[in-house]
Amino acid sequence: MAGGAAKYRHLSRKSSHRQALLRNLVTSLFKHESITTTWPKAKEAQRLAEKLITLGKKNTEASRKRALSIFYTPHDLLPKLFGPLRERYAERPGGYTRVLRVEPKKDDQAPSAILELVDGPKDMRFALTARTIARQRSQGLETLNELTAMNVRKVTRFRKDGVEGLERAIDRLALDGKETKSSRDVDEKQ
C-alpha cells in the first residue's frame, strides 16, 4: 500500500499534537478572521473551519456542543460563530474560507499561506479588486478586463450589499490616492 491516498495530512505530528495544532489555528482564524501559516497547515485548518461554519449554519444543540469541543476559547467564539458568521454565510452554499499562497516568511523557506474567512472585513480579494478598479479608473479606463470582471462577480456574489460596498471601497481608495498625491505636491513645493 505504498503511496496510497491519505485522508488527511499528518503534518509530521502524532494525533493529539495535530488535533491541538488544528484547534489552535481554527480558534485564531475565527478570532482574527485571517491567519498566516504554512500552506499544508492552512489547507488542513481550512477543512476544519469549513465544517465549523456548516455547524454554525445548522444552529442545533448538537452542533453547538460539537463546536464547543473544538474551540479553545468557546465562550468568546460561539456567539460569533452562531451570530454574525451564521448570518454572513446563510446564503452561501460553501467555500467560506480562502487559502492564498504567499512568499515564504521563515528562514527554512517553507511554503507559506494566508487563511482567511471570505466576505469579511479582512477579505484580501475584495480589497485587491477594489484597488485594481480604482487604479484603472484613475487611468481613464472604463471597461474591465476579463480577470477583473470575474473577480468582481466573485467578491460581490454572496456579500450583502456587495456592489455598493465595492463602489464605496473604490471611492475611498480614489480619495486616498488624491489626498496622497496632493500632500506630495505640497511637500515638493516646500
N, C-alpha and C. Protein backbone atom coordinates (compact mmCIF):
# COMPACT_ATOMS: atom_id res chain seq x y z
N MET A 1 0.82 -1.20 0.00
CA MET A 1 0.00 0.00 0.00
C MET A 1 0.86 1.27 0.00
N ALA A 2 2.08 1.14 -0.46
CA ALA A 2 2.94 2.32 -0.50
C ALA A 2 2.36 3.35 -1.46
N GLY A 3 2.34 4.59 -1.02
CA GLY A 3 1.86 5.67 -1.88
C GLY A 3 0.35 5.77 -1.97
N GLY A 4 -0.37 5.11 -1.05
CA GLY A 4 -1.83 5.19 -1.07
C GLY A 4 -2.31 6.59 -0.72
N ALA A 5 -3.50 6.90 -1.12
CA ALA A 5 -4.06 8.22 -0.86
C ALA A 5 -4.38 8.37 0.62
N ALA A 6 -3.85 9.43 1.23
CA ALA A 6 -4.11 9.70 2.63
C ALA A 6 -5.41 10.49 2.76
N LYS A 7 -6.11 10.29 3.86
CA LYS A 7 -7.36 11.01 4.07
C LYS A 7 -7.11 12.43 4.56
N TYR A 8 -5.95 12.67 5.13
CA TYR A 8 -5.60 13.99 5.63
C TYR A 8 -4.09 14.07 5.74
N ARG A 9 -3.58 15.28 5.93
CA ARG A 9 -2.15 15.49 6.10
C ARG A 9 -1.79 15.21 7.55
N HIS A 10 -0.75 14.46 7.76
CA HIS A 10 -0.35 14.12 9.13
C HIS A 10 0.51 15.21 9.75
N LEU A 11 1.10 16.07 8.95
CA LEU A 11 1.86 17.23 9.39
C LEU A 11 3.03 16.86 10.30
N SER A 12 3.55 15.65 10.17
CA SER A 12 4.70 15.15 10.95
C SER A 12 4.46 15.27 12.45
N ARG A 13 3.23 15.00 12.87
CA ARG A 13 2.88 15.08 14.28
C ARG A 13 2.04 13.88 14.64
N LYS A 14 2.07 13.52 15.94
CA LYS A 14 1.18 12.46 16.38
C LYS A 14 -0.24 13.04 16.48
N SER A 15 -1.21 12.18 16.65
CA SER A 15 -2.61 12.56 16.54
C SER A 15 -3.00 13.68 17.51
N SER A 16 -2.63 13.55 18.78
CA SER A 16 -3.04 14.55 19.76
C SER A 16 -2.40 15.91 19.47
N HIS A 17 -1.13 15.90 19.06
CA HIS A 17 -0.46 17.16 18.73
C HIS A 17 -1.08 17.81 17.50
N ARG A 18 -1.40 17.00 16.50
CA ARG A 18 -2.01 17.51 15.27
C ARG A 18 -3.39 18.12 15.56
N GLN A 19 -4.19 17.43 16.38
CA GLN A 19 -5.51 17.96 16.72
C GLN A 19 -5.40 19.27 17.50
N ALA A 20 -4.44 19.35 18.41
CA ALA A 20 -4.24 20.58 19.17
C ALA A 20 -3.80 21.72 18.25
N LEU A 21 -2.92 21.41 17.31
CA LEU A 21 -2.46 22.42 16.36
C LEU A 21 -3.62 22.95 15.53
N LEU A 22 -4.45 22.06 15.00
CA LEU A 22 -5.58 22.48 14.16
C LEU A 22 -6.62 23.26 14.97
N ARG A 23 -6.87 22.83 16.20
CA ARG A 23 -7.81 23.57 17.05
C ARG A 23 -7.30 24.98 17.31
N ASN A 24 -5.99 25.10 17.54
CA ASN A 24 -5.40 26.40 17.80
C ASN A 24 -5.48 27.29 16.55
N LEU A 25 -5.18 26.73 15.38
CA LEU A 25 -5.26 27.51 14.14
C LEU A 25 -6.69 27.98 13.87
N VAL A 26 -7.65 27.09 14.08
CA VAL A 26 -9.05 27.45 13.80
C VAL A 26 -9.55 28.47 14.82
N THR A 27 -9.14 28.34 16.06
CA THR A 27 -9.52 29.33 17.07
C THR A 27 -8.97 30.70 16.69
N SER A 28 -7.72 30.75 16.26
CA SER A 28 -7.12 32.02 15.84
C SER A 28 -7.80 32.57 14.59
N LEU A 29 -8.16 31.69 13.66
CA LEU A 29 -8.84 32.12 12.45
C LEU A 29 -10.17 32.79 12.77
N PHE A 30 -10.96 32.19 13.64
CA PHE A 30 -12.26 32.77 13.96
C PHE A 30 -12.13 34.03 14.80
N LYS A 31 -11.05 34.14 15.56
CA LYS A 31 -10.84 35.33 16.37
C LYS A 31 -10.40 36.51 15.50
N HIS A 32 -9.43 36.27 14.59
CA HIS A 32 -8.84 37.36 13.81
C HIS A 32 -9.34 37.43 12.36
N GLU A 33 -10.03 36.39 11.89
CA GLU A 33 -10.59 36.28 10.55
C GLU A 33 -9.53 36.14 9.45
N SER A 34 -8.24 36.13 9.81
CA SER A 34 -7.18 35.92 8.84
C SER A 34 -5.92 35.52 9.60
N ILE A 35 -5.26 34.43 9.16
CA ILE A 35 -4.02 34.00 9.80
C ILE A 35 -3.00 33.63 8.72
N THR A 36 -1.73 33.70 9.08
CA THR A 36 -0.65 33.31 8.19
C THR A 36 0.04 32.11 8.79
N THR A 37 0.22 31.07 8.00
CA THR A 37 0.86 29.84 8.46
C THR A 37 1.46 29.14 7.24
N THR A 38 1.93 27.91 7.42
CA THR A 38 2.44 27.18 6.26
C THR A 38 1.27 26.67 5.44
N TRP A 39 1.54 26.40 4.17
CA TRP A 39 0.47 26.01 3.27
C TRP A 39 -0.20 24.69 3.68
N PRO A 40 0.53 23.61 4.03
CA PRO A 40 -0.16 22.38 4.43
C PRO A 40 -1.02 22.55 5.69
N LYS A 41 -0.54 23.34 6.65
CA LYS A 41 -1.33 23.58 7.86
C LYS A 41 -2.59 24.38 7.52
N ALA A 42 -2.45 25.34 6.62
CA ALA A 42 -3.61 26.16 6.21
C ALA A 42 -4.67 25.30 5.54
N LYS A 43 -4.25 24.36 4.69
CA LYS A 43 -5.22 23.52 3.99
C LYS A 43 -5.95 22.60 4.96
N GLU A 44 -5.26 22.06 5.95
CA GLU A 44 -5.93 21.21 6.93
C GLU A 44 -6.83 22.02 7.85
N ALA A 45 -6.37 23.20 8.26
CA ALA A 45 -7.21 24.06 9.10
C ALA A 45 -8.44 24.53 8.33
N GLN A 46 -8.30 24.70 7.03
CA GLN A 46 -9.42 25.12 6.20
C GLN A 46 -10.53 24.07 6.25
N ARG A 47 -10.17 22.81 6.21
CA ARG A 47 -11.17 21.74 6.26
C ARG A 47 -11.98 21.82 7.56
N LEU A 48 -11.28 22.00 8.68
CA LEU A 48 -11.96 22.07 9.98
C LEU A 48 -12.81 23.34 10.09
N ALA A 49 -12.31 24.45 9.57
CA ALA A 49 -13.05 25.72 9.63
C ALA A 49 -14.34 25.63 8.81
N GLU A 50 -14.27 25.01 7.64
CA GLU A 50 -15.47 24.85 6.82
C GLU A 50 -16.52 24.03 7.55
N LYS A 51 -16.09 22.97 8.23
CA LYS A 51 -17.03 22.14 8.99
C LYS A 51 -17.65 22.92 10.13
N LEU A 52 -16.86 23.76 10.79
CA LEU A 52 -17.40 24.55 11.90
C LEU A 52 -18.44 25.56 11.42
N ILE A 53 -18.20 26.19 10.29
CA ILE A 53 -19.18 27.16 9.78
C ILE A 53 -20.46 26.44 9.38
N THR A 54 -20.32 25.24 8.82
CA THR A 54 -21.52 24.45 8.49
C THR A 54 -22.29 24.12 9.76
N LEU A 55 -21.58 23.79 10.85
CA LEU A 55 -22.25 23.57 12.13
C LEU A 55 -22.97 24.83 12.60
N GLY A 56 -22.32 25.98 12.41
CA GLY A 56 -22.93 27.25 12.80
C GLY A 56 -24.20 27.53 12.02
N LYS A 57 -24.22 27.15 10.75
CA LYS A 57 -25.42 27.38 9.93
C LYS A 57 -26.56 26.47 10.35
N LYS A 58 -26.24 25.26 10.85
CA LYS A 58 -27.29 24.34 11.30
C LYS A 58 -27.97 24.87 12.57
N ASN A 59 -27.16 25.39 13.50
CA ASN A 59 -27.66 26.01 14.72
C ASN A 59 -28.55 25.08 15.55
N THR A 60 -28.10 23.86 15.78
CA THR A 60 -28.80 22.94 16.65
C THR A 60 -28.01 22.78 17.93
N GLU A 61 -28.62 22.14 18.91
CA GLU A 61 -27.92 21.90 20.18
C GLU A 61 -26.71 21.00 19.97
N ALA A 62 -26.84 20.00 19.12
CA ALA A 62 -25.72 19.10 18.84
C ALA A 62 -24.58 19.84 18.15
N SER A 63 -24.91 20.75 17.23
CA SER A 63 -23.85 21.49 16.55
C SER A 63 -23.15 22.45 17.52
N ARG A 64 -23.89 23.00 18.47
CA ARG A 64 -23.26 23.87 19.48
C ARG A 64 -22.30 23.08 20.36
N LYS A 65 -22.69 21.88 20.74
CA LYS A 65 -21.81 21.05 21.58
C LYS A 65 -20.56 20.64 20.81
N ARG A 66 -20.71 20.33 19.54
CA ARG A 66 -19.56 19.94 18.72
C ARG A 66 -18.60 21.13 18.57
N ALA A 67 -19.11 22.31 18.30
CA ALA A 67 -18.27 23.50 18.18
C ALA A 67 -17.62 23.84 19.52
N LEU A 68 -18.34 23.63 20.61
CA LEU A 68 -17.80 23.89 21.94
C LEU A 68 -16.59 23.02 22.21
N SER A 69 -16.59 21.78 21.67
CA SER A 69 -15.48 20.87 21.91
C SER A 69 -14.27 21.18 21.04
N ILE A 70 -14.40 22.01 20.02
CA ILE A 70 -13.28 22.29 19.13
C ILE A 70 -12.55 23.57 19.50
N PHE A 71 -13.26 24.64 19.79
CA PHE A 71 -12.62 25.92 20.10
C PHE A 71 -11.89 25.87 21.43
N TYR A 72 -10.75 26.57 21.52
CA TYR A 72 -10.04 26.70 22.80
C TYR A 72 -10.68 27.75 23.69
N THR A 73 -11.27 28.78 23.10
CA THR A 73 -11.98 29.80 23.87
C THR A 73 -13.43 29.84 23.37
N PRO A 74 -14.20 28.82 23.71
CA PRO A 74 -15.54 28.71 23.10
C PRO A 74 -16.51 29.81 23.52
N HIS A 75 -16.38 30.31 24.73
CA HIS A 75 -17.35 31.30 25.19
C HIS A 75 -17.15 32.65 24.49
N ASP A 76 -15.95 32.87 23.95
CA ASP A 76 -15.71 34.08 23.16
C ASP A 76 -16.17 33.90 21.71
N LEU A 77 -16.02 32.68 21.18
CA LEU A 77 -16.21 32.46 19.75
C LEU A 77 -17.55 31.86 19.36
N LEU A 78 -18.22 31.15 20.27
CA LEU A 78 -19.52 30.57 19.91
C LEU A 78 -20.55 31.64 19.56
N PRO A 79 -20.64 32.74 20.31
CA PRO A 79 -21.60 33.79 19.90
C PRO A 79 -21.27 34.36 18.51
N LYS A 80 -19.98 34.45 18.18
CA LYS A 80 -19.60 34.95 16.86
C LYS A 80 -19.96 33.94 15.77
N LEU A 81 -19.70 32.64 16.03
CA LEU A 81 -20.00 31.61 15.03
C LEU A 81 -21.50 31.48 14.79
N PHE A 82 -22.28 31.48 15.86
CA PHE A 82 -23.73 31.29 15.71
C PHE A 82 -24.48 32.62 15.55
N GLY A 83 -23.76 33.72 15.47
CA GLY A 83 -24.37 35.03 15.26
C GLY A 83 -23.97 35.62 13.93
N PRO A 84 -22.97 36.52 13.93
CA PRO A 84 -22.60 37.22 12.69
C PRO A 84 -22.12 36.31 11.56
N LEU A 85 -21.32 35.29 11.90
CA LEU A 85 -20.82 34.41 10.84
C LEU A 85 -21.95 33.57 10.23
N ARG A 86 -22.88 33.14 11.05
CA ARG A 86 -24.03 32.38 10.55
C ARG A 86 -24.86 33.22 9.59
N GLU A 87 -25.07 34.50 9.93
CA GLU A 87 -25.82 35.40 9.07
C GLU A 87 -25.04 35.73 7.79
N ARG A 88 -23.72 35.89 7.92
CA ARG A 88 -22.89 36.24 6.76
C ARG A 88 -22.91 35.14 5.71
N TYR A 89 -22.90 33.87 6.15
CA TYR A 89 -22.81 32.75 5.23
C TYR A 89 -24.13 32.01 5.03
N ALA A 90 -25.25 32.61 5.42
CA ALA A 90 -26.55 31.94 5.32
C ALA A 90 -26.90 31.56 3.88
N GLU A 91 -26.61 32.42 2.92
CA GLU A 91 -26.96 32.16 1.53
C GLU A 91 -25.86 31.45 0.76
N ARG A 92 -24.67 31.38 1.31
CA ARG A 92 -23.53 30.79 0.60
C ARG A 92 -23.55 29.27 0.79
N PRO A 93 -23.49 28.51 -0.31
CA PRO A 93 -23.57 27.04 -0.19
C PRO A 93 -22.28 26.38 0.28
N GLY A 94 -21.18 27.07 0.29
CA GLY A 94 -19.90 26.51 0.71
C GLY A 94 -18.80 27.48 0.35
N GLY A 95 -17.55 27.10 0.61
CA GLY A 95 -16.43 27.97 0.29
C GLY A 95 -16.36 29.17 1.19
N TYR A 96 -16.36 28.93 2.50
CA TYR A 96 -16.39 30.02 3.48
C TYR A 96 -14.99 30.57 3.76
N THR A 97 -13.97 29.82 3.39
CA THR A 97 -12.59 30.23 3.64
C THR A 97 -11.81 30.25 2.34
N ARG A 98 -10.66 30.93 2.37
CA ARG A 98 -9.80 31.02 1.20
C ARG A 98 -8.36 30.88 1.67
N VAL A 99 -7.57 30.12 0.92
CA VAL A 99 -6.14 29.98 1.18
C VAL A 99 -5.39 30.65 0.04
N LEU A 100 -4.58 31.64 0.40
CA LEU A 100 -3.78 32.37 -0.59
C LEU A 100 -2.31 32.08 -0.34
N ARG A 101 -1.61 31.59 -1.35
CA ARG A 101 -0.18 31.34 -1.21
C ARG A 101 0.56 32.68 -1.20
N VAL A 102 1.57 32.78 -0.33
CA VAL A 102 2.40 33.97 -0.25
C VAL A 102 3.87 33.53 -0.25
N GLU A 103 4.75 34.49 -0.34
CA GLU A 103 6.18 34.20 -0.31
C GLU A 103 6.55 33.59 1.04
N PRO A 104 7.51 32.67 1.06
CA PRO A 104 7.91 32.06 2.33
C PRO A 104 8.41 33.11 3.31
N LYS A 105 7.92 33.05 4.54
CA LYS A 105 8.28 34.03 5.56
C LYS A 105 9.46 33.56 6.42
N LYS A 106 9.57 32.25 6.60
CA LYS A 106 10.56 31.72 7.53
C LYS A 106 11.90 31.50 6.83
N ASP A 107 12.93 31.29 7.65
CA ASP A 107 14.26 31.03 7.12
C ASP A 107 14.34 29.70 6.39
N ASP A 108 13.47 28.75 6.75
CA ASP A 108 13.54 27.43 6.12
C ASP A 108 12.84 27.38 4.76
N GLN A 109 12.30 28.51 4.31
CA GLN A 109 11.65 28.62 3.00
C GLN A 109 10.45 27.68 2.84
N ALA A 110 9.77 27.39 3.95
CA ALA A 110 8.57 26.57 3.88
C ALA A 110 7.48 27.34 3.14
N PRO A 111 6.68 26.66 2.32
CA PRO A 111 5.62 27.37 1.57
C PRO A 111 4.59 27.97 2.54
N SER A 112 4.42 29.26 2.49
CA SER A 112 3.52 29.96 3.40
C SER A 112 2.21 30.28 2.72
N ALA A 113 1.19 30.54 3.53
CA ALA A 113 -0.13 30.86 3.00
C ALA A 113 -0.90 31.71 4.01
N ILE A 114 -1.89 32.41 3.50
CA ILE A 114 -2.82 33.16 4.34
C ILE A 114 -4.16 32.44 4.28
N LEU A 115 -4.71 32.12 5.44
CA LEU A 115 -6.03 31.51 5.53
C LEU A 115 -6.97 32.59 6.05
N GLU A 116 -8.04 32.86 5.29
CA GLU A 116 -8.95 33.94 5.69
C GLU A 116 -10.40 33.52 5.47
N LEU A 117 -11.28 34.15 6.22
CA LEU A 117 -12.72 33.99 6.01
C LEU A 117 -13.14 34.93 4.90
N VAL A 118 -13.92 34.44 3.95
CA VAL A 118 -14.34 35.28 2.82
C VAL A 118 -15.49 36.19 3.25
N ASP A 119 -15.70 37.25 2.49
CA ASP A 119 -16.78 38.24 2.69
C ASP A 119 -16.69 38.95 4.03
N GLY A 120 -15.53 38.96 4.64
CA GLY A 120 -15.37 39.64 5.91
C GLY A 120 -14.66 40.97 5.74
N PRO A 121 -14.39 41.65 6.84
CA PRO A 121 -13.72 42.94 6.75
C PRO A 121 -12.27 42.83 6.29
N LYS A 122 -11.66 41.65 6.44
CA LYS A 122 -10.26 41.47 6.03
C LYS A 122 -10.14 40.64 4.76
N ASP A 123 -11.16 40.64 3.93
CA ASP A 123 -11.15 39.85 2.70
C ASP A 123 -10.16 40.47 1.72
N MET A 124 -9.07 39.75 1.46
CA MET A 124 -7.99 40.29 0.64
C MET A 124 -8.39 40.42 -0.83
N ARG A 125 -9.14 39.47 -1.37
CA ARG A 125 -9.54 39.54 -2.77
C ARG A 125 -10.45 40.75 -3.00
N PHE A 126 -11.32 41.05 -2.06
CA PHE A 126 -12.20 42.21 -2.17
C PHE A 126 -11.36 43.49 -2.23
N ALA A 127 -10.37 43.61 -1.33
CA ALA A 127 -9.53 44.80 -1.29
C ALA A 127 -8.69 44.94 -2.56
N LEU A 128 -8.14 43.83 -3.04
CA LEU A 128 -7.31 43.89 -4.24
C LEU A 128 -8.14 44.22 -5.48
N THR A 129 -9.36 43.70 -5.55
CA THR A 129 -10.24 44.01 -6.67
C THR A 129 -10.61 45.49 -6.66
N ALA A 130 -10.94 46.02 -5.49
CA ALA A 130 -11.27 47.45 -5.39
C ALA A 130 -10.07 48.30 -5.79
N ARG A 131 -8.88 47.91 -5.37
CA ARG A 131 -7.68 48.67 -5.71
C ARG A 131 -7.42 48.64 -7.22
N THR A 132 -7.63 47.49 -7.84
CA THR A 132 -7.42 47.36 -9.28
C THR A 132 -8.39 48.25 -10.05
N ILE A 133 -9.66 48.24 -9.66
CA ILE A 133 -10.66 49.05 -10.36
C ILE A 133 -10.37 50.54 -10.15
N ALA A 134 -9.98 50.92 -8.92
CA ALA A 134 -9.65 52.33 -8.66
C ALA A 134 -8.47 52.77 -9.51
N ARG A 135 -7.47 51.93 -9.67
CA ARG A 135 -6.30 52.26 -10.48
C ARG A 135 -6.70 52.39 -11.95
N GLN A 136 -7.56 51.47 -12.42
CA GLN A 136 -7.99 51.54 -13.82
C GLN A 136 -8.81 52.79 -14.08
N ARG A 137 -9.67 53.16 -13.14
CA ARG A 137 -10.49 54.37 -13.33
C ARG A 137 -9.63 55.62 -13.30
N SER A 138 -8.59 55.63 -12.46
CA SER A 138 -7.71 56.81 -12.41
C SER A 138 -6.92 56.97 -13.71
N GLN A 139 -6.70 55.85 -14.43
CA GLN A 139 -6.01 55.91 -15.71
C GLN A 139 -6.97 56.19 -16.86
N GLY A 140 -8.26 56.29 -16.56
CA GLY A 140 -9.24 56.62 -17.59
C GLY A 140 -9.82 55.41 -18.30
N LEU A 141 -9.56 54.21 -17.82
CA LEU A 141 -10.11 53.00 -18.43
C LEU A 141 -11.49 52.72 -17.82
N GLU A 142 -12.48 52.58 -18.66
CA GLU A 142 -13.83 52.32 -18.17
C GLU A 142 -14.21 50.85 -18.23
N THR A 143 -13.66 50.10 -19.20
CA THR A 143 -14.02 48.69 -19.33
C THR A 143 -13.04 47.84 -18.53
N LEU A 144 -13.57 46.83 -17.89
CA LEU A 144 -12.76 45.92 -17.08
C LEU A 144 -12.28 44.76 -17.94
N ASN A 145 -11.06 44.30 -17.67
CA ASN A 145 -10.60 43.12 -18.39
C ASN A 145 -11.31 41.88 -17.83
N GLU A 146 -11.11 40.76 -18.47
CA GLU A 146 -11.85 39.54 -18.13
C GLU A 146 -11.58 39.07 -16.71
N LEU A 147 -10.32 39.11 -16.27
CA LEU A 147 -9.96 38.65 -14.94
C LEU A 147 -10.56 39.54 -13.85
N THR A 148 -10.50 40.85 -14.05
CA THR A 148 -11.07 41.77 -13.06
C THR A 148 -12.58 41.63 -13.00
N ALA A 149 -13.23 41.45 -14.13
CA ALA A 149 -14.68 41.27 -14.14
C ALA A 149 -15.07 39.99 -13.40
N MET A 150 -14.28 38.92 -13.58
CA MET A 150 -14.55 37.67 -12.87
C MET A 150 -14.39 37.87 -11.36
N ASN A 151 -13.34 38.60 -10.95
CA ASN A 151 -13.14 38.85 -9.52
C ASN A 151 -14.25 39.71 -8.94
N VAL A 152 -14.77 40.67 -9.72
CA VAL A 152 -15.90 41.48 -9.25
C VAL A 152 -17.11 40.59 -8.99
N ARG A 153 -17.38 39.67 -9.91
CA ARG A 153 -18.51 38.74 -9.71
C ARG A 153 -18.29 37.90 -8.47
N LYS A 154 -17.07 37.42 -8.26
CA LYS A 154 -16.80 36.56 -7.11
C LYS A 154 -16.95 37.29 -5.78
N VAL A 155 -16.45 38.52 -5.70
CA VAL A 155 -16.47 39.21 -4.40
C VAL A 155 -17.82 39.84 -4.09
N THR A 156 -18.69 40.01 -5.10
CA THR A 156 -19.99 40.63 -4.84
C THR A 156 -21.14 39.64 -4.83
N ARG A 157 -20.90 38.41 -5.25
CA ARG A 157 -21.98 37.45 -5.44
C ARG A 157 -22.75 37.15 -4.16
N PHE A 158 -22.08 36.79 -3.09
CA PHE A 158 -22.75 36.40 -1.85
C PHE A 158 -22.64 37.46 -0.76
N ARG A 159 -21.89 38.51 -1.00
CA ARG A 159 -21.72 39.56 0.00
C ARG A 159 -22.98 40.41 0.07
N LYS A 160 -23.42 40.70 1.28
CA LYS A 160 -24.58 41.56 1.46
C LYS A 160 -24.22 42.97 1.00
N ASP A 161 -25.02 43.58 0.16
CA ASP A 161 -24.73 44.89 -0.44
C ASP A 161 -23.35 44.86 -1.11
N GLY A 162 -23.09 43.84 -1.91
CA GLY A 162 -21.77 43.63 -2.50
C GLY A 162 -21.34 44.71 -3.46
N VAL A 163 -22.21 45.06 -4.42
CA VAL A 163 -21.83 46.04 -5.43
C VAL A 163 -21.67 47.41 -4.78
N GLU A 164 -22.58 47.77 -3.88
CA GLU A 164 -22.49 49.07 -3.20
C GLU A 164 -21.24 49.14 -2.33
N GLY A 165 -20.92 48.05 -1.64
CA GLY A 165 -19.72 48.00 -0.81
C GLY A 165 -18.45 48.13 -1.63
N LEU A 166 -18.44 47.49 -2.79
CA LEU A 166 -17.28 47.59 -3.67
C LEU A 166 -17.12 49.02 -4.18
N GLU A 167 -18.22 49.66 -4.55
CA GLU A 167 -18.14 51.05 -5.02
C GLU A 167 -17.64 51.98 -3.90
N ARG A 168 -18.10 51.75 -2.66
CA ARG A 168 -17.61 52.56 -1.53
C ARG A 168 -16.11 52.38 -1.34
N ALA A 169 -15.64 51.13 -1.45
CA ALA A 169 -14.20 50.86 -1.29
C ALA A 169 -13.40 51.52 -2.41
N ILE A 170 -13.93 51.49 -3.63
CA ILE A 170 -13.25 52.12 -4.77
C ILE A 170 -13.18 53.63 -4.57
N ASP A 171 -14.29 54.24 -4.13
CA ASP A 171 -14.31 55.68 -3.88
C ASP A 171 -13.34 56.07 -2.78
N ARG A 172 -13.28 55.24 -1.73
CA ARG A 172 -12.37 55.52 -0.61
C ARG A 172 -10.92 55.46 -1.09
N LEU A 173 -10.61 54.47 -1.93
CA LEU A 173 -9.25 54.37 -2.47
C LEU A 173 -8.94 55.53 -3.40
N ALA A 174 -9.92 55.95 -4.18
CA ALA A 174 -9.70 57.08 -5.08
C ALA A 174 -9.45 58.35 -4.28
N LEU A 175 -10.19 58.55 -3.18
CA LEU A 175 -9.98 59.72 -2.33
C LEU A 175 -8.62 59.66 -1.66
N ASP A 176 -8.23 58.48 -1.18
CA ASP A 176 -6.92 58.34 -0.55
C ASP A 176 -5.81 58.65 -1.54
N GLY A 177 -5.97 58.21 -2.78
CA GLY A 177 -4.98 58.48 -3.81
C GLY A 177 -4.84 59.96 -4.10
N LYS A 178 -5.98 60.67 -4.12
CA LYS A 178 -5.94 62.11 -4.37
C LYS A 178 -5.28 62.84 -3.21
N GLU A 179 -5.59 62.42 -1.97
CA GLU A 179 -5.01 63.08 -0.81
C GLU A 179 -3.50 62.87 -0.78
N THR A 180 -3.04 61.67 -1.05
CA THR A 180 -1.60 61.43 -1.01
C THR A 180 -0.92 62.17 -2.15
N LYS A 181 -1.57 62.27 -3.31
CA LYS A 181 -0.98 62.99 -4.43
C LYS A 181 -0.87 64.47 -4.08
N SER A 182 -1.92 65.05 -3.48
CA SER A 182 -1.89 66.47 -3.13
C SER A 182 -0.91 66.73 -2.00
N SER A 183 -0.77 65.81 -1.07
CA SER A 183 0.19 66.01 0.01
C SER A 183 1.61 65.91 -0.53
N ARG A 184 1.85 65.07 -1.56
CA ARG A 184 3.18 65.02 -2.19
C ARG A 184 3.47 66.32 -2.90
N ASP A 185 2.45 66.90 -3.55
CA ASP A 185 2.65 68.17 -4.26
C ASP A 185 3.04 69.28 -3.28
N VAL A 186 2.41 69.28 -2.10
CA VAL A 186 2.72 70.29 -1.07
C VAL A 186 4.15 70.09 -0.59
N ASP A 187 4.55 68.83 -0.37
CA ASP A 187 5.89 68.55 0.11
C ASP A 187 6.94 68.98 -0.92
N GLU A 188 6.65 68.78 -2.22
CA GLU A 188 7.58 69.15 -3.26
C GLU A 188 7.73 70.65 -3.36
N LYS A 189 6.65 71.42 -3.14
CA LYS A 189 6.69 72.87 -3.22
C LYS A 189 7.53 73.47 -2.09
N GLN A 190 7.54 72.81 -0.95
CA GLN A 190 8.28 73.33 0.20
C GLN A 190 9.72 73.00 0.01
